[in-house]
N, C-alpha and C. Protein backbone atom coordinates (compact mmCIF):
# COMPACT_ATOMS: atom_id res chain seq x y z
N UNK A 1 194.49 20.68 261.19
CA UNK A 1 193.28 20.66 260.41
C UNK A 1 192.66 22.06 260.46
N UNK A 2 192.34 22.57 259.28
CA UNK A 2 191.74 23.90 259.21
C UNK A 2 190.57 23.88 258.23
N UNK A 3 189.46 24.48 258.64
CA UNK A 3 188.27 24.64 257.81
C UNK A 3 187.95 26.13 257.77
N UNK A 4 187.63 26.64 256.58
CA UNK A 4 187.23 28.04 256.43
C UNK A 4 185.85 28.10 255.82
N UNK A 5 185.03 29.04 256.29
CA UNK A 5 183.69 29.24 255.76
C UNK A 5 183.54 30.67 255.27
N UNK A 6 182.88 30.80 254.12
CA UNK A 6 182.54 32.12 253.62
C UNK A 6 181.04 32.13 253.31
N UNK A 7 180.42 33.27 253.55
CA UNK A 7 178.99 33.38 253.22
C UNK A 7 178.87 33.64 251.73
N UNK A 8 178.05 32.82 251.07
CA UNK A 8 177.92 32.92 249.61
C UNK A 8 176.75 33.80 249.20
N UNK A 9 175.57 33.52 249.73
CA UNK A 9 174.38 34.27 249.34
C UNK A 9 173.33 34.12 250.41
N UNK A 10 172.32 34.97 250.36
CA UNK A 10 171.25 34.88 251.35
C UNK A 10 171.79 35.05 252.76
N UNK A 11 170.95 34.71 253.71
CA UNK A 11 171.35 34.83 255.11
C UNK A 11 172.28 33.73 255.57
N UNK A 12 171.98 32.50 255.15
CA UNK A 12 172.61 31.34 255.79
C UNK A 12 173.39 30.43 254.86
N UNK A 13 173.58 30.79 253.62
CA UNK A 13 174.29 29.93 252.67
C UNK A 13 175.79 30.17 252.79
N UNK A 14 176.51 29.14 253.25
CA UNK A 14 177.96 29.21 253.42
C UNK A 14 178.63 28.16 252.54
N UNK A 15 179.87 28.44 252.18
CA UNK A 15 180.72 27.45 251.53
C UNK A 15 181.88 27.19 252.46
N UNK A 16 182.05 25.92 252.81
CA UNK A 16 183.17 25.52 253.66
C UNK A 16 184.24 24.91 252.77
N UNK A 17 185.50 25.21 253.10
CA UNK A 17 186.61 24.63 252.35
C UNK A 17 187.67 24.13 253.33
N UNK A 18 188.38 23.11 252.88
CA UNK A 18 189.46 22.58 253.71
C UNK A 18 190.80 22.93 253.09
N UNK A 19 191.87 22.50 253.73
CA UNK A 19 193.22 22.82 253.28
C UNK A 19 193.54 22.22 251.91
N UNK A 20 192.81 21.16 251.53
CA UNK A 20 193.01 20.54 250.23
C UNK A 20 192.22 21.20 249.11
N UNK A 21 191.42 22.21 249.46
CA UNK A 21 190.64 22.92 248.45
C UNK A 21 189.28 22.33 248.16
N UNK A 22 188.89 21.30 248.89
CA UNK A 22 187.56 20.72 248.69
C UNK A 22 186.52 21.59 249.37
N UNK A 23 185.31 21.61 248.78
CA UNK A 23 184.27 22.48 249.32
C UNK A 23 182.96 21.71 249.53
N UNK A 24 182.15 22.27 250.42
CA UNK A 24 180.79 21.78 250.64
C UNK A 24 179.94 23.01 250.98
N UNK A 25 178.72 23.02 250.45
CA UNK A 25 177.84 24.14 250.74
C UNK A 25 176.90 23.78 251.88
N UNK A 26 176.65 24.79 252.72
CA UNK A 26 175.78 24.64 253.87
C UNK A 26 174.66 25.67 253.79
N UNK A 27 173.52 25.33 254.34
CA UNK A 27 172.40 26.26 254.43
C UNK A 27 171.55 25.86 255.63
N UNK A 28 170.72 26.78 256.07
CA UNK A 28 169.87 26.54 257.22
C UNK A 28 168.54 25.92 256.78
N UNK A 29 167.79 25.49 257.75
CA UNK A 29 166.44 24.98 257.54
C UNK A 29 165.57 26.08 256.93
N UNK A 30 164.77 25.76 255.92
CA UNK A 30 163.88 26.78 255.34
C UNK A 30 162.95 27.42 256.37
N UNK A 31 162.66 26.72 257.46
CA UNK A 31 161.77 27.27 258.49
C UNK A 31 162.35 28.53 259.13
N UNK A 32 163.68 28.69 259.08
CA UNK A 32 164.29 29.91 259.65
C UNK A 32 164.90 30.81 258.58
N UNK A 33 164.62 30.50 257.31
CA UNK A 33 165.12 31.36 256.25
C UNK A 33 166.14 30.75 255.32
N UNK A 34 166.46 29.48 255.51
CA UNK A 34 167.37 28.81 254.60
C UNK A 34 166.73 28.68 253.22
N UNK A 35 167.57 28.55 252.20
CA UNK A 35 167.07 28.52 250.83
C UNK A 35 167.35 27.20 250.11
N UNK A 36 167.73 26.16 250.86
CA UNK A 36 167.97 24.86 250.24
C UNK A 36 169.18 24.83 249.34
N UNK A 37 170.20 25.61 249.65
CA UNK A 37 171.38 25.68 248.80
C UNK A 37 172.54 24.82 249.30
N UNK A 38 172.28 23.95 250.26
CA UNK A 38 173.36 23.10 250.75
C UNK A 38 172.89 22.21 251.87
N UNK A 39 173.83 21.44 252.37
CA UNK A 39 173.56 20.58 253.52
C UNK A 39 173.31 21.43 254.75
N UNK A 40 172.48 20.94 255.63
CA UNK A 40 172.33 21.57 256.93
C UNK A 40 173.49 21.09 257.80
N UNK A 41 173.92 21.89 258.77
CA UNK A 41 175.08 21.50 259.58
C UNK A 41 174.93 20.14 260.26
N UNK A 42 173.75 19.81 260.77
CA UNK A 42 173.59 18.51 261.42
C UNK A 42 173.70 17.36 260.42
N UNK A 43 173.31 17.61 259.17
CA UNK A 43 173.48 16.59 258.14
C UNK A 43 174.95 16.31 257.89
N UNK A 44 175.78 17.35 257.99
CA UNK A 44 177.21 17.14 257.76
C UNK A 44 177.83 16.26 258.85
N UNK A 45 177.26 16.32 260.06
CA UNK A 45 177.73 15.40 261.10
C UNK A 45 177.45 13.95 260.71
N UNK A 46 176.27 13.71 260.13
CA UNK A 46 175.94 12.35 259.68
C UNK A 46 176.81 11.93 258.50
N UNK A 47 177.14 12.88 257.62
CA UNK A 47 178.07 12.57 256.54
C UNK A 47 179.42 12.16 257.13
N UNK A 48 179.87 12.89 258.14
CA UNK A 48 181.13 12.56 258.80
C UNK A 48 181.09 11.17 259.41
N UNK A 49 179.97 10.82 260.03
CA UNK A 49 179.81 9.49 260.62
C UNK A 49 179.87 8.41 259.54
N UNK A 50 179.15 8.64 258.45
CA UNK A 50 179.15 7.66 257.36
C UNK A 50 180.52 7.51 256.74
N UNK A 51 181.19 8.63 256.50
CA UNK A 51 182.52 8.58 255.90
C UNK A 51 183.54 7.93 256.81
N UNK A 52 183.53 8.31 258.07
CA UNK A 52 184.49 7.78 259.04
C UNK A 52 184.30 6.27 259.22
N UNK A 53 183.06 5.85 259.45
CA UNK A 53 182.81 4.43 259.68
C UNK A 53 183.01 3.63 258.40
N UNK A 54 182.68 4.21 257.25
CA UNK A 54 182.90 3.52 255.98
C UNK A 54 184.38 3.31 255.69
N UNK A 55 185.17 4.34 255.91
CA UNK A 55 186.62 4.22 255.72
C UNK A 55 187.20 3.17 256.65
N UNK A 56 186.76 3.19 257.92
CA UNK A 56 187.27 2.20 258.87
C UNK A 56 186.86 0.79 258.48
N UNK A 57 185.61 0.62 258.05
CA UNK A 57 185.14 -0.71 257.64
C UNK A 57 185.96 -1.24 256.46
N UNK A 58 186.16 -0.42 255.44
CA UNK A 58 186.94 -0.84 254.28
C UNK A 58 188.36 -1.17 254.70
N UNK A 59 188.95 -0.35 255.54
CA UNK A 59 190.32 -0.57 256.00
C UNK A 59 190.44 -1.89 256.78
N UNK A 60 189.54 -2.11 257.70
CA UNK A 60 189.60 -3.32 258.52
C UNK A 60 189.35 -4.57 257.68
N UNK A 61 188.32 -4.53 256.82
CA UNK A 61 188.03 -5.70 255.99
C UNK A 61 189.17 -5.99 255.02
N UNK A 62 189.83 -4.95 254.52
CA UNK A 62 190.99 -5.14 253.64
C UNK A 62 192.13 -5.81 254.40
N UNK A 63 192.38 -5.35 255.62
CA UNK A 63 193.44 -5.96 256.44
C UNK A 63 193.11 -7.41 256.79
N UNK A 64 191.80 -7.72 256.87
CA UNK A 64 191.38 -9.10 257.14
C UNK A 64 191.38 -9.95 255.87
N UNK A 65 191.80 -9.34 254.76
CA UNK A 65 191.86 -10.02 253.46
C UNK A 65 190.48 -10.49 252.99
N UNK A 66 189.47 -9.70 253.31
CA UNK A 66 188.11 -10.00 252.87
C UNK A 66 187.88 -9.39 251.48
N UNK A 67 187.05 -10.07 250.69
CA UNK A 67 186.77 -9.66 249.32
C UNK A 67 185.57 -8.71 249.29
N UNK A 68 185.78 -7.46 249.68
CA UNK A 68 184.72 -6.46 249.68
C UNK A 68 184.63 -5.84 248.29
N UNK A 69 183.52 -6.12 247.59
CA UNK A 69 183.34 -5.60 246.24
C UNK A 69 182.70 -4.22 246.25
N UNK A 70 181.82 -3.96 247.23
CA UNK A 70 181.13 -2.69 247.29
C UNK A 70 180.60 -2.46 248.70
N UNK A 71 180.37 -1.19 249.02
CA UNK A 71 179.80 -0.83 250.31
C UNK A 71 178.90 0.39 250.09
N UNK A 72 177.70 0.31 250.63
CA UNK A 72 176.76 1.43 250.62
C UNK A 72 176.28 1.62 252.05
N UNK A 73 176.12 2.86 252.43
CA UNK A 73 175.78 3.19 253.82
C UNK A 73 174.54 4.08 253.82
N UNK A 74 173.57 3.72 254.65
CA UNK A 74 172.36 4.53 254.81
C UNK A 74 172.25 4.91 256.28
N UNK A 75 172.00 6.19 256.54
CA UNK A 75 171.91 6.68 257.91
C UNK A 75 170.59 7.41 258.11
N UNK A 76 169.89 7.07 259.18
CA UNK A 76 168.69 7.78 259.61
C UNK A 76 168.91 8.20 261.06
N UNK A 77 168.46 9.40 261.38
CA UNK A 77 168.68 9.89 262.74
C UNK A 77 167.47 10.67 263.22
N UNK A 78 167.28 10.65 264.53
CA UNK A 78 166.24 11.47 265.16
C UNK A 78 166.91 12.39 266.17
N UNK A 79 166.25 13.54 266.38
CA UNK A 79 166.78 14.54 267.31
C UNK A 79 165.79 14.77 268.43
N UNK A 80 166.29 15.25 269.55
CA UNK A 80 165.43 15.57 270.68
C UNK A 80 164.58 16.80 270.33
N UNK A 81 163.45 16.95 271.01
CA UNK A 81 162.53 18.05 270.73
C UNK A 81 162.74 19.22 271.67
N UNK A 82 163.98 19.57 271.91
CA UNK A 82 164.30 20.72 272.75
C UNK A 82 165.62 21.30 272.26
N UNK A 83 165.91 22.50 272.67
CA UNK A 83 167.16 23.15 272.28
C UNK A 83 168.25 22.86 273.30
N UNK A 84 169.42 22.50 272.93
CA UNK A 84 169.84 22.25 271.56
C UNK A 84 169.28 20.92 271.05
N UNK A 85 168.87 20.88 269.80
CA UNK A 85 168.24 19.70 269.21
C UNK A 85 169.30 18.71 268.75
N UNK A 86 169.96 18.09 269.73
CA UNK A 86 171.04 17.14 269.44
C UNK A 86 170.44 15.81 268.98
N UNK A 87 171.28 14.97 268.40
CA UNK A 87 170.82 13.65 267.99
C UNK A 87 170.48 12.82 269.21
N UNK A 88 169.38 12.10 269.08
CA UNK A 88 168.92 11.20 270.14
C UNK A 88 169.27 9.76 269.78
N UNK A 89 169.03 9.40 268.51
CA UNK A 89 169.29 8.05 268.04
C UNK A 89 169.73 8.11 266.58
N UNK A 90 170.75 7.32 266.26
CA UNK A 90 171.27 7.26 264.90
C UNK A 90 171.32 5.79 264.49
N UNK A 91 170.70 5.50 263.35
CA UNK A 91 170.70 4.14 262.81
C UNK A 91 171.51 4.15 261.52
N UNK A 92 172.51 3.29 261.48
CA UNK A 92 173.38 3.22 260.31
C UNK A 92 173.36 1.80 259.76
N UNK A 93 173.03 1.69 258.48
CA UNK A 93 172.91 0.40 257.80
C UNK A 93 174.01 0.27 256.76
N UNK A 94 174.80 -0.78 256.88
CA UNK A 94 175.85 -1.08 255.92
C UNK A 94 175.35 -2.16 254.96
N UNK A 95 175.34 -1.86 253.68
CA UNK A 95 175.00 -2.83 252.66
C UNK A 95 176.30 -3.20 251.96
N UNK A 96 176.77 -4.40 252.24
CA UNK A 96 178.07 -4.87 251.77
C UNK A 96 177.87 -5.87 250.65
N UNK A 97 178.78 -5.86 249.69
CA UNK A 97 178.75 -6.84 248.61
C UNK A 97 180.12 -7.49 248.51
N UNK A 98 180.10 -8.79 248.29
CA UNK A 98 181.35 -9.52 248.14
C UNK A 98 181.28 -10.86 248.85
N UNK A 99 182.33 -11.61 248.67
CA UNK A 99 182.44 -12.91 249.33
C UNK A 99 183.02 -12.66 250.72
N UNK A 100 182.14 -12.36 251.68
CA UNK A 100 182.57 -11.90 253.00
C UNK A 100 182.21 -12.91 254.08
N UNK A 101 183.12 -13.08 255.02
CA UNK A 101 182.89 -13.91 256.19
C UNK A 101 182.10 -13.09 257.21
N UNK A 102 180.94 -13.58 257.60
CA UNK A 102 180.06 -12.83 258.50
C UNK A 102 180.73 -12.51 259.84
N UNK A 103 181.50 -13.43 260.38
CA UNK A 103 182.19 -13.17 261.64
C UNK A 103 183.21 -12.05 261.51
N UNK A 104 183.89 -11.98 260.37
CA UNK A 104 184.86 -10.91 260.16
C UNK A 104 184.17 -9.57 259.97
N UNK A 105 183.01 -9.57 259.33
CA UNK A 105 182.23 -8.34 259.17
C UNK A 105 181.79 -7.84 260.55
N UNK A 106 181.29 -8.75 261.38
CA UNK A 106 180.85 -8.35 262.73
C UNK A 106 182.02 -7.84 263.56
N UNK A 107 183.17 -8.45 263.41
CA UNK A 107 184.37 -7.98 264.12
C UNK A 107 184.78 -6.60 263.62
N UNK A 108 184.72 -6.39 262.31
CA UNK A 108 185.06 -5.09 261.73
C UNK A 108 184.10 -4.01 262.23
N UNK A 109 182.81 -4.33 262.32
CA UNK A 109 181.83 -3.36 262.84
C UNK A 109 182.11 -3.03 264.30
N UNK A 110 182.41 -4.04 265.09
CA UNK A 110 182.70 -3.80 266.51
C UNK A 110 183.94 -2.92 266.66
N UNK A 111 184.99 -3.21 265.91
CA UNK A 111 186.20 -2.39 265.98
C UNK A 111 185.93 -0.96 265.50
N UNK A 112 185.16 -0.84 264.44
CA UNK A 112 184.84 0.48 263.90
C UNK A 112 184.15 1.34 264.94
N UNK A 113 183.09 0.81 265.54
CA UNK A 113 182.27 1.63 266.43
C UNK A 113 182.78 1.69 267.86
N UNK A 114 183.52 0.69 268.30
CA UNK A 114 184.03 0.70 269.67
C UNK A 114 185.40 1.35 269.80
N UNK A 115 186.18 1.35 268.70
CA UNK A 115 187.56 1.78 268.83
C UNK A 115 188.00 2.85 267.83
N UNK A 116 187.79 2.62 266.54
CA UNK A 116 188.47 3.42 265.54
C UNK A 116 187.73 4.66 265.04
N UNK A 117 186.42 4.62 264.88
CA UNK A 117 185.71 5.74 264.27
C UNK A 117 185.55 6.89 265.28
N UNK A 118 186.36 7.92 265.10
CA UNK A 118 186.34 9.07 266.01
C UNK A 118 184.99 9.76 266.03
N UNK A 119 184.36 9.87 264.86
CA UNK A 119 183.06 10.55 264.79
C UNK A 119 182.02 9.76 265.58
N UNK A 120 182.01 8.46 265.45
CA UNK A 120 181.07 7.63 266.21
C UNK A 120 181.32 7.76 267.71
N UNK A 121 182.58 7.84 268.09
CA UNK A 121 182.89 7.98 269.50
C UNK A 121 182.44 9.33 270.06
N UNK A 122 182.50 10.37 269.25
CA UNK A 122 182.00 11.68 269.68
C UNK A 122 180.48 11.68 269.76
N UNK A 123 179.82 11.28 268.65
CA UNK A 123 178.35 11.30 268.62
C UNK A 123 177.74 10.32 269.62
N UNK A 124 178.44 9.21 269.87
CA UNK A 124 177.94 8.21 270.79
C UNK A 124 177.88 8.67 272.24
N UNK A 125 178.48 9.79 272.54
CA UNK A 125 178.42 10.33 273.90
C UNK A 125 177.08 10.98 274.21
N UNK A 126 176.34 11.33 273.16
CA UNK A 126 175.04 11.98 273.37
C UNK A 126 173.90 11.26 272.67
N UNK A 127 174.19 10.36 271.75
CA UNK A 127 173.15 9.67 271.00
C UNK A 127 173.38 8.17 271.04
N UNK A 128 172.30 7.42 270.92
CA UNK A 128 172.41 5.97 270.80
C UNK A 128 172.67 5.66 269.33
N UNK A 129 173.76 4.97 269.05
CA UNK A 129 174.10 4.60 267.67
C UNK A 129 173.86 3.11 267.50
N UNK A 130 173.00 2.77 266.55
CA UNK A 130 172.70 1.39 266.21
C UNK A 130 173.26 1.11 264.83
N UNK A 131 173.87 -0.06 264.64
CA UNK A 131 174.36 -0.40 263.31
C UNK A 131 173.91 -1.80 262.94
N UNK A 132 173.55 -1.94 261.67
CA UNK A 132 173.13 -3.22 261.10
C UNK A 132 173.86 -3.39 259.77
N UNK A 133 173.78 -4.60 259.23
CA UNK A 133 174.43 -4.84 257.96
C UNK A 133 173.72 -5.94 257.19
N UNK A 134 173.91 -5.92 255.89
CA UNK A 134 173.50 -7.01 255.02
C UNK A 134 174.70 -7.33 254.13
N UNK A 135 174.80 -8.60 253.74
CA UNK A 135 175.86 -9.03 252.84
C UNK A 135 175.20 -9.59 251.59
N UNK A 136 175.52 -9.03 250.45
CA UNK A 136 175.06 -9.54 249.16
C UNK A 136 176.26 -10.19 248.49
N UNK A 137 176.18 -11.49 248.30
CA UNK A 137 177.32 -12.23 247.73
C UNK A 137 177.37 -12.10 246.23
């Protein structure tokens, strides 16, 4: 796995690219001179958490032969008030749609956060991760 960053403009605006050619723009907090031209680095960690756990949830529910019609994920996080300002608590809400068995959803969530999602396992070493879900049939 390789990621490359180049500075695009201003002090803190970077473009990150991966081996597949996909890009994401990063920028710093305006309080230190960022210009709002991209995600802040800590936000990208939350994107990674949402993507990783979402992919695992879809994969597990598919293997369980569950009828998942849609999935939306909302993440809110708080950080400690000292340097380094790491995450203290992360709340992730899964809004699922489909004819889903609640026990299978709960099993998929447990497997996602306890075993499969690498990002959750990394972030969970320093932050409390809470997850909830709703099912819309």
